[in-house]
Amino acid sequence: MMTDFINKMINLGFGAALLTKENVEEVIDEMVKKGEIKKDEAKARASDLFKKVLSSKQEIESKIEKIVENALHKLDIPTRKELQEMQKKLEEVIKRLESREDLT
């Protein structure tokens, strides 16, 4: 029923990105009202479901980061990390040049 629907959404990954803690609690409350689960097990179910949602969200975010990173590389656009590494190297070169100027 409703649990199957949520599990399908989470398994697809799409629904997890859209579900919030409030959504999960709302669904669990509705399930209690319909008698699909007992009130005393609702809190545990909500906690389990929310953990699955968080896990799915993290997995989706990780996949999206990887997709964006791959797209940036294909377009020859450096990532923030690569820019920071280049900036660090540039600062080191400037430091070395400045120290040479001090010697002359």
PDB file of N, CA and C in Angstrom:
ATOM      1  N   MET A   1       0.831  -1.171   0.000  1.00  0.00           N
ATOM      2  CA  MET A   1       0.000   0.000   0.000  1.00  0.00           C
ATOM      3  C   MET A   1       0.881   1.241   0.000  1.00  0.00           C
ATOM      4  N   MET A   2       0.687   2.121   0.983  1.00  0.00           N
ATOM      5  CA  MET A   2       1.443   3.359   1.037  1.00  0.00           C
ATOM      6  C   MET A   2       2.925   3.073   1.234  1.00  0.00           C
ATOM      7  N   THR A   3       3.238   2.076   2.089  1.00  0.00           N
ATOM      8  CA  THR A   3       4.640   1.722   2.326  1.00  0.00           C
ATOM      9  C   THR A   3       5.285   1.217   1.047  1.00  0.00           C
ATOM     10  N   ASP A   4       4.563   0.409   0.306  1.00  0.00           N
ATOM     11  CA  ASP A   4       5.075  -0.079  -0.976  1.00  0.00           C
ATOM     12  C   ASP A   4       5.374   1.089  -1.908  1.00  0.00           C
ATOM     13  N   PHE A   5       4.459   2.031  -1.921  1.00  0.00           N
ATOM     14  CA  PHE A   5       4.644   3.200  -2.775  1.00  0.00           C
ATOM     15  C   PHE A   5       5.911   3.961  -2.395  1.00  0.00           C
ATOM     16  N   ILE A   6       6.099   4.200  -1.104  1.00  0.00           N
ATOM     17  CA  ILE A   6       7.287   4.932  -0.645  1.00  0.00           C
ATOM     18  C   ILE A   6       8.551   4.136  -0.940  1.00  0.00           C
ATOM     19  N   ASN A   7       8.511   2.850  -0.678  1.00  0.00           N
ATOM     20  CA  ASN A   7       9.684   2.017  -0.963  1.00  0.00           C
ATOM     21  C   ASN A   7      10.037   2.043  -2.445  1.00  0.00           C
ATOM     22  N   LYS A   8       9.025   2.024  -3.298  1.00  0.00           N
ATOM     23  CA  LYS A   8       9.294   2.106  -4.741  1.00  0.00           C
ATOM     24  C   LYS A   8       9.947   3.432  -5.080  1.00  0.00           C
ATOM     25  N   MET A   9       9.438   4.505  -4.475  1.00  0.00           N
ATOM     26  CA  MET A   9      10.013   5.821  -4.731  1.00  0.00           C
ATOM     27  C   MET A   9      11.464   5.869  -4.276  1.00  0.00           C
ATOM     28  N   ILE A  10      11.739   5.313  -3.105  1.00  0.00           N
ATOM     29  CA  ILE A  10      13.102   5.320  -2.588  1.00  0.00           C
ATOM     30  C   ILE A  10      13.998   4.463  -3.465  1.00  0.00           C
ATOM     31  N   ASN A  11      13.493   3.307  -3.847  1.00  0.00           N
ATOM     32  CA  ASN A  11      14.287   2.435  -4.709  1.00  0.00           C
ATOM     33  C   ASN A  11      14.590   3.100  -6.043  1.00  0.00           C
ATOM     34  N   LEU A  12      13.682   3.869  -6.530  1.00  0.00           N
ATOM     35  CA  LEU A  12      13.933   4.595  -7.772  1.00  0.00           C
ATOM     36  C   LEU A  12      14.899   5.752  -7.542  1.00  0.00           C
ATOM     37  N   GLY A  13      15.015   6.184  -6.306  1.00  0.00           N
ATOM     38  CA  GLY A  13      15.931   7.270  -5.985  1.00  0.00           C
ATOM     39  C   GLY A  13      15.310   8.634  -6.188  1.00  0.00           C
ATOM     40  N   PHE A  14      14.381   8.733  -7.064  1.00  0.00           N
ATOM     41  CA  PHE A  14      13.760  10.014  -7.359  1.00  0.00           C
ATOM     42  C   PHE A  14      12.977  10.545  -6.166  1.00  0.00           C
ATOM     43  N   GLY A  15      12.182   9.710  -5.578  1.00  0.00           N
ATOM     44  CA  GLY A  15      11.349  10.146  -4.469  1.00  0.00           C
ATOM     45  C   GLY A  15      12.147  10.572  -3.256  1.00  0.00           C
ATOM     46  N   ALA A  16      13.277   9.941  -3.053  1.00  0.00           N
ATOM     47  CA  ALA A  16      14.099  10.264  -1.887  1.00  0.00           C
ATOM     48  C   ALA A  16      14.561  11.711  -1.912  1.00  0.00           C
ATOM     49  N   ALA A  17      14.808  12.211  -3.102  1.00  0.00           N
ATOM     50  CA  ALA A  17      15.264  13.595  -3.211  1.00  0.00           C
ATOM     51  C   ALA A  17      14.160  14.574  -2.849  1.00  0.00           C
ATOM     52  N   LEU A  18      12.931  14.123  -2.953  1.00  0.00           N
ATOM     53  CA  LEU A  18      11.802  15.010  -2.704  1.00  0.00           C
ATOM     54  C   LEU A  18      11.203  14.845  -1.306  1.00  0.00           C
ATOM     55  N   LEU A  19      11.443  13.690  -0.666  1.00  0.00           N
ATOM     56  CA  LEU A  19      10.864  13.445   0.647  1.00  0.00           C
ATOM     57  C   LEU A  19      11.619  14.199   1.740  1.00  0.00           C
ATOM     58  N   THR A  20      10.857  14.751   2.663  1.00  0.00           N
ATOM     59  CA  THR A  20      11.450  15.406   3.827  1.00  0.00           C
ATOM     60  C   THR A  20      10.989  14.652   5.075  1.00  0.00           C
ATOM     61  N   LYS A  21      11.566  15.015   6.190  1.00  0.00           N
ATOM     62  CA  LYS A  21      11.174  14.380   7.447  1.00  0.00           C
ATOM     63  C   LYS A  21       9.682  14.589   7.697  1.00  0.00           C
ATOM     64  N   GLU A  22       9.206  15.780   7.369  1.00  0.00           N
ATOM     65  CA  GLU A  22       7.788  16.087   7.565  1.00  0.00           C
ATOM     66  C   GLU A  22       6.915  15.200   6.669  1.00  0.00           C
ATOM     67  N   ASN A  23       7.373  14.987   5.421  1.00  0.00           N
ATOM     68  CA  ASN A  23       6.621  14.112   4.506  1.00  0.00           C
ATOM     69  C   ASN A  23       6.532  12.703   5.067  1.00  0.00           C
ATOM     70  N   VAL A  24       7.653  12.207   5.567  1.00  0.00           N
ATOM     71  CA  VAL A  24       7.701  10.852   6.118  1.00  0.00           C
ATOM     72  C   VAL A  24       6.754  10.744   7.307  1.00  0.00           C
ATOM     73  N   GLU A  25       6.812  11.720   8.217  1.00  0.00           N
ATOM     74  CA  GLU A  25       5.941  11.693   9.396  1.00  0.00           C
ATOM     75  C   GLU A  25       4.469  11.775   8.996  1.00  0.00           C
ATOM     76  N   GLU A  26       4.197  12.577   7.974  1.00  0.00           N
ATOM     77  CA  GLU A  26       2.831  12.724   7.484  1.00  0.00           C
ATOM     78  C   GLU A  26       2.307  11.383   6.944  1.00  0.00           C
ATOM     79  N   VAL A  27       3.138  10.710   6.167  1.00  0.00           N
ATOM     80  CA  VAL A  27       2.742   9.416   5.598  1.00  0.00           C
ATOM     81  C   VAL A  27       2.536   8.389   6.710  1.00  0.00           C
ATOM     82  N   ILE A  28       3.438   8.376   7.679  1.00  0.00           N
ATOM     83  CA  ILE A  28       3.320   7.428   8.791  1.00  0.00           C
ATOM     84  C   ILE A  28       2.045   7.719   9.589  1.00  0.00           C
ATOM     85  N   ASP A  29       1.769   8.999   9.858  1.00  0.00           N
ATOM     86  CA  ASP A  29       0.546   9.359  10.579  1.00  0.00           C
ATOM     87  C   ASP A  29      -0.697   8.878   9.831  1.00  0.00           C
ATOM     88  N   GLU A  30      -0.669   9.024   8.512  1.00  0.00           N
ATOM     89  CA  GLU A  30      -1.796   8.580   7.692  1.00  0.00           C
ATOM     90  C   GLU A  30      -1.958   7.060   7.767  1.00  0.00           C
ATOM     91  N   MET A  31      -0.818   6.371   7.777  1.00  0.00           N
ATOM     92  CA  MET A  31      -0.859   4.908   7.877  1.00  0.00           C
ATOM     93  C   MET A  31      -1.443   4.474   9.210  1.00  0.00           C
ATOM     94  N   VAL A  32      -1.125   5.212  10.282  1.00  0.00           N
ATOM     95  CA  VAL A  32      -1.683   4.905  11.614  1.00  0.00           C
ATOM     96  C   VAL A  32      -3.193   5.125  11.588  1.00  0.00           C
ATOM     97  N   LYS A  33      -3.617   6.246  10.980  1.00  0.00           N
ATOM     98  CA  LYS A  33      -5.051   6.550  10.907  1.00  0.00           C
ATOM     99  C   LYS A  33      -5.818   5.464  10.150  1.00  0.00           C
ATOM    100  N   LYS A  34      -5.184   4.941   9.087  1.00  0.00           N
ATOM    101  CA  LYS A  34      -5.839   3.913   8.275  1.00  0.00           C
ATOM    102  C   LYS A  34      -5.737   2.532   8.911  1.00  0.00           C
ATOM    103  N   GLY A  35      -4.952   2.428   9.970  1.00  0.00           N
ATOM    104  CA  GLY A  35      -4.801   1.149  10.655  1.00  0.00           C
ATOM    105  C   GLY A  35      -3.800   0.215   9.992  1.00  0.00           C
ATOM    106  N   GLU A  36      -2.984   0.754   9.087  1.00  0.00           N
ATOM    107  CA  GLU A  36      -1.986  -0.062   8.396  1.00  0.00           C
ATOM    108  C   GLU A  36      -0.825  -0.432   9.317  1.00  0.00           C
ATOM    109  N   ILE A  37      -0.532   0.434  10.275  1.00  0.00           N
ATOM    110  CA  ILE A  37       0.485   0.130  11.300  1.00  0.00           C
ATOM    111  C   ILE A  37      -0.045   0.616  12.643  1.00  0.00           C
ATOM    112  N   LYS A  38       0.540   0.056  13.717  1.00  0.00           N
ATOM    113  CA  LYS A  38       0.120   0.446  15.061  1.00  0.00           C
ATOM    114  C   LYS A  38       0.832   1.734  15.453  1.00  0.00           C
ATOM    115  N   LYS A  39       0.178   2.496  16.313  1.00  0.00           N
ATOM    116  CA  LYS A  39       0.723   3.787  16.735  1.00  0.00           C
ATOM    117  C   LYS A  39       2.076   3.627  17.417  1.00  0.00           C
ATOM    118  N   ASP A  40       2.242   2.552  18.216  1.00  0.00           N
ATOM    119  CA  ASP A  40       3.504   2.376  18.943  1.00  0.00           C
ATOM    120  C   ASP A  40       4.672   2.026  18.019  1.00  0.00           C
ATOM    121  N   GLU A  41       4.392   1.482  16.856  1.00  0.00           N
ATOM    122  CA  GLU A  41       5.494   1.166  15.938  1.00  0.00           C
ATOM    123  C   GLU A  41       5.712   2.283  14.902  1.00  0.00           C
ATOM    124  N   ALA A  42       4.869   3.300  14.940  1.00  0.00           N
ATOM    125  CA  ALA A  42       4.959   4.385  13.961  1.00  0.00           C
ATOM    126  C   ALA A  42       6.288   5.144  14.060  1.00  0.00           C
ATOM    127  N   LYS A  43       6.723   5.418  15.278  1.00  0.00           N
ATOM    128  CA  LYS A  43       7.951   6.192  15.465  1.00  0.00           C
ATOM    129  C   LYS A  43       9.157   5.423  14.900  1.00  0.00           C
ATOM    130  N   ALA A  44       9.206   4.126  15.177  1.00  0.00           N
ATOM    131  CA  ALA A  44      10.313   3.312  14.669  1.00  0.00           C
ATOM    132  C   ALA A  44      10.270   3.229  13.150  1.00  0.00           C
ATOM    133  N   ARG A  45       9.070   3.072  12.604  1.00  0.00           N
ATOM    134  CA  ARG A  45       8.913   3.008  11.141  1.00  0.00           C
ATOM    135  C   ARG A  45       9.353   4.323  10.501  1.00  0.00           C
ATOM    136  N   ALA A  46       8.927   5.434  11.127  1.00  0.00           N
ATOM    137  CA  ALA A  46       9.282   6.753  10.592  1.00  0.00           C
ATOM    138  C   ALA A  46      10.799   6.931  10.622  1.00  0.00           C
ATOM    139  N   SER A  47      11.420   6.494  11.714  1.00  0.00           N
ATOM    140  CA  SER A  47      12.875   6.606  11.835  1.00  0.00           C
ATOM    141  C   SER A  47      13.578   5.768  10.767  1.00  0.00           C
ATOM    142  N   ASP A  48      13.130   4.522  10.599  1.00  0.00           N
ATOM    143  CA  ASP A  48      13.722   3.642   9.577  1.00  0.00           C
ATOM    144  C   ASP A  48      13.568   4.229   8.179  1.00  0.00           C
ATOM    145  N   LEU A  49      12.359   4.692   7.910  1.00  0.00           N
ATOM    146  CA  LEU A  49      12.072   5.243   6.589  1.00  0.00           C
ATOM    147  C   LEU A  49      12.912   6.496   6.330  1.00  0.00           C
ATOM    148  N   PHE A  50      13.023   7.341   7.341  1.00  0.00           N
ATOM    149  CA  PHE A  50      13.804   8.565   7.173  1.00  0.00           C
ATOM    150  C   PHE A  50      15.290   8.254   6.964  1.00  0.00           C
ATOM    151  N   LYS A  51      15.791   7.224   7.647  1.00  0.00           N
ATOM    152  CA  LYS A  51      17.186   6.808   7.430  1.00  0.00           C
ATOM    153  C   LYS A  51      17.394   6.363   5.982  1.00  0.00           C
ATOM    154  N   LYS A  52      16.411   5.615   5.458  1.00  0.00           N
ATOM    155  CA  LYS A  52      16.504   5.187   4.052  1.00  0.00           C
ATOM    156  C   LYS A  52      16.483   6.382   3.120  1.00  0.00           C
ATOM    157  N   VAL A  53      15.636   7.356   3.446  1.00  0.00           N
ATOM    158  CA  VAL A  53      15.546   8.562   2.617  1.00  0.00           C
ATOM    159  C   VAL A  53      16.877   9.304   2.631  1.00  0.00           C
ATOM    160  N   LEU A  54      17.462   9.484   3.821  1.00  0.00           N
ATOM    161  CA  LEU A  54      18.748  10.185   3.920  1.00  0.00           C
ATOM    162  C   LEU A  54      19.833   9.457   3.141  1.00  0.00           C
ATOM    163  N   SER A  55      19.861   8.155   3.281  1.00  0.00           N
ATOM    164  CA  SER A  55      20.850   7.352   2.571  1.00  0.00           C
ATOM    165  C   SER A  55      20.692   7.514   1.063  1.00  0.00           C
ATOM    166  N   SER A  56      19.457   7.461   0.605  1.00  0.00           N
ATOM    167  CA  SER A  56      19.193   7.622  -0.824  1.00  0.00           C
ATOM    168  C   SER A  56      19.571   9.013  -1.304  1.00  0.00           C
ATOM    169  N   LYS A  57      19.271  10.024  -0.486  1.00  0.00           N
ATOM    170  CA  LYS A  57      19.623  11.396  -0.856  1.00  0.00           C
ATOM    171  C   LYS A  57      21.135  11.533  -1.013  1.00  0.00           C
ATOM    172  N   GLN A  58      21.888  10.973  -0.069  1.00  0.00           N
ATOM    173  CA  GLN A  58      23.345  11.062  -0.140  1.00  0.00           C
ATOM    174  C   GLN A  58      23.869  10.352  -1.389  1.00  0.00           C
ATOM    175  N   GLU A  59      23.267   9.216  -1.691  1.00  0.00           N
ATOM    176  CA  GLU A  59      23.676   8.472  -2.884  1.00  0.00           C
ATOM    177  C   GLU A  59      23.377   9.275  -4.147  1.00  0.00           C
ATOM    178  N   ILE A  60      22.211   9.891  -4.186  1.00  0.00           N
ATOM    179  CA  ILE A  60      21.834  10.703  -5.351  1.00  0.00           C
ATOM    180  C   ILE A  60      22.766  11.906  -5.483  1.00  0.00           C
ATOM    181  N   GLU A  61      23.043  12.586  -4.355  1.00  0.00           N
ATOM    182  CA  GLU A  61      23.940  13.745  -4.395  1.00  0.00           C
ATOM    183  C   GLU A  61      25.320  13.349  -4.910  1.00  0.00           C
ATOM    184  N   SER A  62      25.806  12.215  -4.442  1.00  0.00           N
ATOM    185  CA  SER A  62      27.113  11.733  -4.874  1.00  0.00           C
ATOM    186  C   SER A  62      27.124  11.462  -6.380  1.00  0.00           C
ATOM    187  N   LYS A  63      26.051  10.826  -6.864  1.00  0.00           N
ATOM    188  CA  LYS A  63      25.966  10.537  -8.301  1.00  0.00           C
ATOM    189  C   LYS A  63      25.885  11.825  -9.113  1.00  0.00           C
ATOM    190  N   ILE A  64      25.115  12.789  -8.629  1.00  0.00           N
ATOM    191  CA  ILE A  64      24.983  14.072  -9.340  1.00  0.00           C
ATOM    192  C   ILE A  64      26.331  14.793  -9.380  1.00  0.00           C
ATOM    193  N   GLU A  65      27.057  14.810  -8.243  1.00  0.00           N
ATOM    194  CA  GLU A  65      28.387  15.433  -8.216  1.00  0.00           C
ATOM    195  C   GLU A  65      29.301  14.800  -9.259  1.00  0.00           C
ATOM    196  N   LYS A  66      29.253  13.477  -9.353  1.00  0.00           N
ATOM    197  CA  LYS A  66      30.101  12.762 -10.310  1.00  0.00           C
ATOM    198  C   LYS A  66      29.716  13.120 -11.748  1.00  0.00           C
ATOM    199  N   ILE A  67      28.414  13.198 -12.010  1.00  0.00           N
ATOM    200  CA  ILE A  67      27.928  13.545 -13.350  1.00  0.00           C
ATOM    201  C   ILE A  67      28.379  14.963 -13.715  1.00  0.00           C
ATOM    202  N   VAL A  68      28.228  15.897 -12.773  1.00  0.00           N
ATOM    203  CA  VAL A  68      28.630  17.285 -13.030  1.00  0.00           C
ATOM    204  C   VAL A  68      30.137  17.364 -13.255  1.00  0.00           C
ATOM    205  N   GLU A  69      30.899  16.664 -12.427  1.00  0.00           N
ATOM    206  CA  GLU A  69      32.354  16.656 -12.564  1.00  0.00           C
ATOM    207  C   GLU A  69      32.760  16.116 -13.935  1.00  0.00           C
ATOM    208  N   ASN A  70      32.138  15.034 -14.377  1.00  0.00           N
ATOM    209  CA  ASN A  70      32.424  14.470 -15.703  1.00  0.00           C
ATOM    210  C   ASN A  70      32.069  15.464 -16.808  1.00  0.00           C
ATOM    211  N   ALA A  71      30.933  16.142 -16.650  1.00  0.00           N
ATOM    212  CA  ALA A  71      30.515  17.125 -17.657  1.00  0.00           C
ATOM    213  C   ALA A  71      31.511  18.272 -17.716  1.00  0.00           C
ATOM    214  N   LEU A  72      31.991  18.738 -16.562  1.00  0.00           N
ATOM    215  CA  LEU A  72      32.973  19.830 -16.530  1.00  0.00           C
ATOM    216  C   LEU A  72      34.260  19.419 -17.231  1.00  0.00           C
ATOM    217  N   HIS A  73      34.691  18.185 -16.999  1.00  0.00           N
ATOM    218  CA  HIS A  73      35.915  17.700 -17.649  1.00  0.00           C
ATOM    219  C   HIS A  73      35.746  17.612 -19.158  1.00  0.00           C
ATOM    220  N   LYS A  74      34.566  17.178 -19.600  1.00  0.00           N
ATOM    221  CA  LYS A  74      34.319  17.100 -21.041  1.00  0.00           C
ATOM    222  C   LYS A  74      34.338  18.481 -21.687  1.00  0.00           C
ATOM    223  N   LEU A  75      33.924  19.489 -20.929  1.00  0.00           N
ATOM    224  CA  LEU A  75      33.909  20.860 -21.441  1.00  0.00           C
ATOM    225  C   LEU A  75      35.214  21.596 -21.163  1.00  0.00           C
ATOM    226  N   ASP A  76      36.186  20.906 -20.595  1.00  0.00           N
ATOM    227  CA  ASP A  76      37.480  21.499 -20.219  1.00  0.00           C
ATOM    228  C   ASP A  76      37.316  22.652 -19.225  1.00  0.00           C
ATOM    229  N   ILE A  77      36.379  22.517 -18.322  1.00  0.00           N
ATOM    230  CA  ILE A  77      36.173  23.506 -17.263  1.00  0.00           C
ATOM    231  C   ILE A  77      36.701  22.905 -15.963  1.00  0.00           C
ATOM    232  N   PRO A  78      37.649  23.570 -15.305  1.00  0.00           N
ATOM    233  CA  PRO A  78      38.195  23.008 -14.064  1.00  0.00           C
ATOM    234  C   PRO A  78      37.174  23.051 -12.923  1.00  0.00           C
ATOM    235  N   THR A  79      37.284  22.073 -12.042  1.00  0.00           N
ATOM    236  CA  THR A  79      36.418  22.046 -10.866  1.00  0.00           C
ATOM    237  C   THR A  79      36.967  23.003  -9.819  1.00  0.00           C
ATOM    238  N   ARG A  80      36.195  23.260  -8.781  1.00  0.00           N
ATOM    239  CA  ARG A  80      36.643  24.136  -7.692  1.00  0.00           C
ATOM    240  C   ARG A  80      37.927  23.594  -7.063  1.00  0.00           C
ATOM    241  N   LYS A  81      37.957  22.287  -6.896  1.00  0.00           N
ATOM    242  CA  LYS A  81      39.137  21.662  -6.288  1.00  0.00           C
ATOM    243  C   LYS A  81      40.370  21.877  -7.164  1.00  0.00           C
ATOM    244  N   GLU A  82      40.191  21.712  -8.472  1.00  0.00           N
ATOM    245  CA  GLU A  82      41.322  21.922  -9.387  1.00  0.00           C
ATOM    246  C   GLU A  82      41.763  23.383  -9.380  1.00  0.00           C
ATOM    247  N   LEU A  83      40.800  24.302  -9.317  1.00  0.00           N
ATOM    248  CA  LEU A  83      41.142  25.729  -9.255  1.00  0.00           C
ATOM    249  C   LEU A  83      41.903  26.053  -7.967  1.00  0.00           C
ATOM    250  N   GLN A  84      41.470  25.448  -6.869  1.00  0.00           N
ATOM    251  CA  GLN A  84      42.155  25.674  -5.586  1.00  0.00           C
ATOM    252  C   GLN A  84      43.583  25.137  -5.641  1.00  0.00           C
ATOM    253  N   GLU A  85      43.760  23.981  -6.288  1.00  0.00           N
ATOM    254  CA  GLU A  85      45.113  23.418  -6.427  1.00  0.00           C
ATOM    255  C   GLU A  85      45.992  24.326  -7.285  1.00  0.00           C
ATOM    256  N   MET A  86      45.421  24.852  -8.361  1.00  0.00           N
ATOM    257  CA  MET A  86      46.176  25.769  -9.225  1.00  0.00           C
ATOM    258  C   MET A  86      46.527  27.051  -8.475  1.00  0.00           C
ATOM    259  N   GLN A  87      45.581  27.566  -7.684  1.00  0.00           N
ATOM    260  CA  GLN A  87      45.829  28.778  -6.916  1.00  0.00           C
ATOM    261  C   GLN A  87      46.955  28.553  -5.907  1.00  0.00           C
ATOM    262  N   LYS A  88      46.949  27.392  -5.280  1.00  0.00           N
ATOM    263  CA  LYS A  88      47.993  27.062  -4.305  1.00  0.00           C
ATOM    264  C   LYS A  88      49.368  27.024  -4.988  1.00  0.00           C
ATOM    265  N   LYS A  89      49.432  26.387  -6.164  1.00  0.00           N
ATOM    266  CA  LYS A  89      50.691  26.318  -6.904  1.00  0.00           C
ATOM    267  C   LYS A  89      51.146  27.709  -7.326  1.00  0.00           C
ATOM    268  N   LEU A  90      50.211  28.535  -7.768  1.00  0.00           N
ATOM    269  CA  LEU A  90      50.539  29.894  -8.184  1.00  0.00           C
ATOM    270  C   LEU A  90      51.093  30.702  -7.003  1.00  0.00           C
ATOM    271  N   GLU A  91      50.484  30.545  -5.859  1.00  0.00           N
ATOM    272  CA  GLU A  91      50.966  31.255  -4.664  1.00  0.00           C
ATOM    273  C   GLU A  91      52.380  30.813  -4.300  1.00  0.00           C
ATOM    274  N   GLU A  92      52.663  29.523  -4.476  1.00  0.00           N
ATOM    275  CA  GLU A  92      54.011  29.016  -4.197  1.00  0.00           C
ATOM    276  C   GLU A  92      55.020  29.607  -5.175  1.00  0.00           C
ATOM    277  N   VAL A  93      54.665  29.703  -6.430  1.00  0.00           N
ATOM    278  CA  VAL A  93      55.559  30.278  -7.449  1.00  0.00           C
ATOM    279  C   VAL A  93      55.811  31.761  -7.141  1.00  0.00           C
ATOM    280  N   ILE A  94      54.762  32.480  -6.811  1.00  0.00           N
ATOM    281  CA  ILE A  94      54.894  33.907  -6.475  1.00  0.00           C
ATOM    282  C   ILE A  94      55.804  34.083  -5.264  1.00  0.00           C
ATOM    283  N   LYS A  95      55.631  33.220  -4.295  1.00  0.00           N
ATOM    284  CA  LYS A  95      56.465  33.275  -3.084  1.00  0.00           C
ATOM    285  C   LYS A  95      57.939  33.075  -3.441  1.00  0.00           C
ATOM    286  N   ARG A  96      58.202  32.080  -4.297  1.00  0.00           N
ATOM    287  CA  ARG A  96      59.589  31.817  -4.716  1.00  0.00           C
ATOM    288  C   ARG A  96      60.166  32.996  -5.488  1.00  0.00           C
ATOM    289  N   LEU A  97      59.372  33.573  -6.382  1.00  0.00           N
ATOM    290  CA  LEU A  97      59.836  34.725  -7.158  1.00  0.00           C
ATOM    291  C   LEU A  97      60.123  35.923  -6.246  1.00  0.00           C
ATOM    292  N   GLU A  98      59.256  36.150  -5.288  1.00  0.00           N
ATOM    293  CA  GLU A  98      59.462  37.260  -4.350  1.00  0.00           C
ATOM    294  C   GLU A  98      60.709  37.051  -3.509  1.00  0.00           C
ATOM    295  N   SER A  99      60.978  35.816  -3.128  1.00  0.00           N
ATOM    296  CA  SER A  99      62.180  35.558  -2.331  1.00  0.00           C
ATOM    297  C   SER A  99      63.447  35.779  -3.175  1.00  0.00           C
ATOM    298  N   ARG A 100      63.382  35.502  -4.471  1.00  0.00           N
ATOM    299  CA  ARG A 100      64.518  35.753  -5.376  1.00  0.00           C
ATOM    300  C   ARG A 100      64.759  37.253  -5.531  1.00  0.00           C
ATOM    301  N   GLU A 101      63.664  38.019  -5.618  1.00  0.00           N
ATOM    302  CA  GLU A 101      63.801  39.470  -5.757  1.00  0.00           C
ATOM    303  C   GLU A 101      64.448  40.078  -4.523  1.00  0.00           C
ATOM    304  N   ASP A 102      64.186  39.511  -3.373  1.00  0.00           N
ATOM    305  CA  ASP A 102      64.772  40.001  -2.132  1.00  0.00           C
ATOM    306  C   ASP A 102      66.281  39.787  -2.114  1.00  0.00           C
ATOM    307  N   LEU A 103      66.756  38.746  -2.804  1.00  0.00           N
ATOM    308  CA  LEU A 103      68.185  38.433  -2.829  1.00  0.00           C
ATOM    309  C   LEU A 103      68.968  39.382  -3.733  1.00  0.00           C
ATOM    310  N   THR A 104      68.309  39.967  -4.689  1.00  0.00           N
ATOM    311  CA  THR A 104      69.044  40.830  -5.635  1.00  0.00           C
ATOM    312  C   THR A 104      69.206  42.244  -5.160  1.00  0.00           C
TER     313      THR A 104
END
